Amino acid sequence: MNKLLSIFIVFAIFVSTASAADISGNVVSIGKNLPGQKVELSRVNTTQSDETGVVYKFIPVSDKTTDKDGNYAFTDINDGKYR
């Protein structure tokens, strides 16, 4: 019985760990990388309204500035919808 309980506890710990993701990209215009550009990451919350339908609310989470090659990266992002 103790062995079964130990296996269950280990399984519960692995299941409960939150997975995180990375979002990265490159800002380009007319084939040229754009350094020094602000890139904002916003979480998307949606609500349903009988009058207007789906309402989107964008909540800023973080912002980054592109590097000399126009690259940016957001790390350890929790599950969800982002813009």
C-alpha atoms as a PDB file:
ATOM      1  CA  MET A   1       0.000   0.000   0.000  1.00  0.00           C
ATOM      2  CA  ASN A   2       2.823   2.446   0.827  1.00  0.00           C
ATOM      3  CA  LYS A   3       4.450   1.747  -2.535  1.00  0.00           C
ATOM      4  CA  LEU A   4       1.212   2.568  -4.336  1.00  0.00           C
ATOM      5  CA  LEU A   5       0.836   5.787  -2.346  1.00  0.00           C
ATOM      6  CA  SER A   6       4.428   6.790  -3.185  1.00  0.00           C
ATOM      7  CA  ILE A   7       3.815   6.198  -6.900  1.00  0.00           C
ATOM      8  CA  PHE A   8       0.647   8.303  -6.748  1.00  0.00           C
ATOM      9  CA  ILE A   9       2.452  11.192  -5.011  1.00  0.00           C
ATOM     10  CA  VAL A  10       5.272  11.183  -7.582  1.00  0.00           C
ATOM     11  CA  PHE A  11       2.708  11.100 -10.416  1.00  0.00           C
ATOM     12  CA  ALA A  12       0.770  14.012  -8.859  1.00  0.00           C
ATOM     13  CA  ILE A  13       3.935  16.110  -8.611  1.00  0.00           C
ATOM     14  CA  PHE A  14       4.755  15.565 -12.296  1.00  0.00           C
ATOM     15  CA  VAL A  15       1.214  16.344 -13.396  1.00  0.00           C
ATOM     16  CA  SER A  16       0.965  19.509 -11.304  1.00  0.00           C
ATOM     17  CA  THR A  17       4.136  21.131 -12.631  1.00  0.00           C
ATOM     18  CA  ALA A  18       3.176  23.954 -14.943  1.00  0.00           C
ATOM     19  CA  SER A  19       4.605  23.921 -18.397  1.00  0.00           C
ATOM     20  CA  ALA A  20       6.077  27.111 -19.710  1.00  0.00           C
ATOM     21  CA  ALA A  21       6.785  28.122 -23.284  1.00  0.00           C
ATOM     22  CA  ASP A  22       8.984  30.563 -25.129  1.00  0.00           C
ATOM     23  CA  ILE A  23       7.870  33.006 -27.804  1.00  0.00           C
ATOM     24  CA  SER A  24      10.475  34.483 -30.103  1.00  0.00           C
ATOM     25  CA  GLY A  25      10.662  36.157 -33.447  1.00  0.00           C
ATOM     26  CA  ASN A  26      12.285  38.682 -35.716  1.00  0.00           C
ATOM     27  CA  VAL A  27      11.060  42.125 -36.760  1.00  0.00           C
ATOM     28  CA  VAL A  28      11.677  42.765 -40.458  1.00  0.00           C
ATOM     29  CA  SER A  29      10.599  45.489 -42.876  1.00  0.00           C
ATOM     30  CA  ILE A  30      11.287  45.350 -46.615  1.00  0.00           C
ATOM     31  CA  GLY A  31      13.772  42.532 -46.052  1.00  0.00           C
ATOM     32  CA  LYS A  32      15.800  44.378 -43.409  1.00  0.00           C
ATOM     33  CA  ASN A  33      16.009  43.455 -39.714  1.00  0.00           C
ATOM     34  CA  LEU A  34      14.824  46.235 -37.417  1.00  0.00           C
ATOM     35  CA  PRO A  35      16.871  46.732 -34.234  1.00  0.00           C
ATOM     36  CA  GLY A  36      15.559  48.759 -31.291  1.00  0.00           C
ATOM     37  CA  GLN A  37      11.860  48.054 -31.896  1.00  0.00           C
ATOM     38  CA  LYS A  38       9.482  47.581 -28.949  1.00  0.00           C
ATOM     39  CA  VAL A  39       7.573  44.275 -28.990  1.00  0.00           C
ATOM     40  CA  GLU A  40       4.740  43.887 -26.477  1.00  0.00           C
ATOM     41  CA  LEU A  41       3.271  40.603 -25.267  1.00  0.00           C
ATOM     42  CA  SER A  42      -0.345  40.814 -24.074  1.00  0.00           C
ATOM     43  CA  ARG A  43      -2.536  38.126 -22.546  1.00  0.00           C
ATOM     44  CA  VAL A  44      -5.918  37.777 -24.264  1.00  0.00           C
ATOM     45  CA  ASN A  45      -8.973  37.484 -22.006  1.00  0.00           C
ATOM     46  CA  THR A  46     -12.339  36.900 -23.630  1.00  0.00           C
ATOM     47  CA  THR A  47     -15.814  37.331 -22.231  1.00  0.00           C
ATOM     48  CA  GLN A  48     -19.189  36.635 -23.799  1.00  0.00           C
ATOM     49  CA  SER A  49     -21.793  39.383 -23.919  1.00  0.00           C
ATOM     50  CA  ASP A  50     -25.372  38.924 -25.122  1.00  0.00           C
ATOM     51  CA  GLU A  51     -25.354  42.479 -26.510  1.00  0.00           C
ATOM     52  CA  THR A  52     -21.994  42.594 -28.288  1.00  0.00           C
ATOM     53  CA  GLY A  53     -20.865  38.967 -28.627  1.00  0.00           C
ATOM     54  CA  VAL A  54     -17.293  38.116 -27.737  1.00  0.00           C
ATOM     55  CA  VAL A  55     -15.358  40.906 -26.026  1.00  0.00           C
ATOM     56  CA  TYR A  56     -11.560  40.787 -26.102  1.00  0.00           C
ATOM     57  CA  LYS A  57      -9.410  42.410 -23.448  1.00  0.00           C
ATOM     58  CA  PHE A  58      -5.638  42.607 -23.935  1.00  0.00           C
ATOM     59  CA  ILE A  59      -3.616  42.734 -20.723  1.00  0.00           C
ATOM     60  CA  PRO A  60       0.070  43.720 -21.178  1.00  0.00           C
ATOM     61  CA  VAL A  61       2.388  41.093 -19.689  1.00  0.00           C
ATOM     62  CA  SER A  62       5.842  42.132 -20.854  1.00  0.00           C
ATOM     63  CA  ASP A  63       7.695  44.081 -23.488  1.00  0.00           C
ATOM     64  CA  LYS A  64      11.074  43.613 -25.126  1.00  0.00           C
ATOM     65  CA  THR A  65      13.278  45.623 -27.436  1.00  0.00           C
ATOM     66  CA  THR A  66      14.685  43.901 -30.495  1.00  0.00           C
ATOM     67  CA  ASP A  67      18.442  43.303 -30.540  1.00  0.00           C
ATOM     68  CA  LYS A  68      20.860  44.499 -33.239  1.00  0.00           C
ATOM     69  CA  ASP A  69      19.553  41.764 -35.567  1.00  0.00           C
ATOM     70  CA  GLY A  70      15.853  42.503 -34.950  1.00  0.00           C
ATOM     71  CA  ASN A  71      15.347  39.441 -32.699  1.00  0.00           C
ATOM     72  CA  TYR A  72      13.255  39.266 -29.537  1.00  0.00           C
ATOM     73  CA  ALA A  73      12.332  36.495 -27.084  1.00  0.00           C
ATOM     74  CA  PHE A  74       9.857  36.058 -24.237  1.00  0.00           C
ATOM     75  CA  THR A  75      10.706  33.107 -21.990  1.00  0.00           C
ATOM     76  CA  ASP A  76       8.837  31.069 -19.383  1.00  0.00           C
ATOM     77  CA  ILE A  77       5.394  32.070 -20.660  1.00  0.00           C
ATOM     78  CA  ASN A  78       2.480  30.301 -18.934  1.00  0.00           C
ATOM     79  CA  ASP A  79      -0.234  28.532 -20.897  1.00  0.00           C
ATOM     80  CA  GLY A  80      -2.835  30.865 -22.346  1.00  0.00           C
ATOM     81  CA  LYS A  81      -3.768  33.027 -25.308  1.00  0.00           C
ATOM     82  CA  TYR A  82      -1.412  35.871 -26.206  1.00  0.00           C
ATOM     83  CA  ARG A  83      -1.117  38.640 -28.752  1.00  0.00           C
END
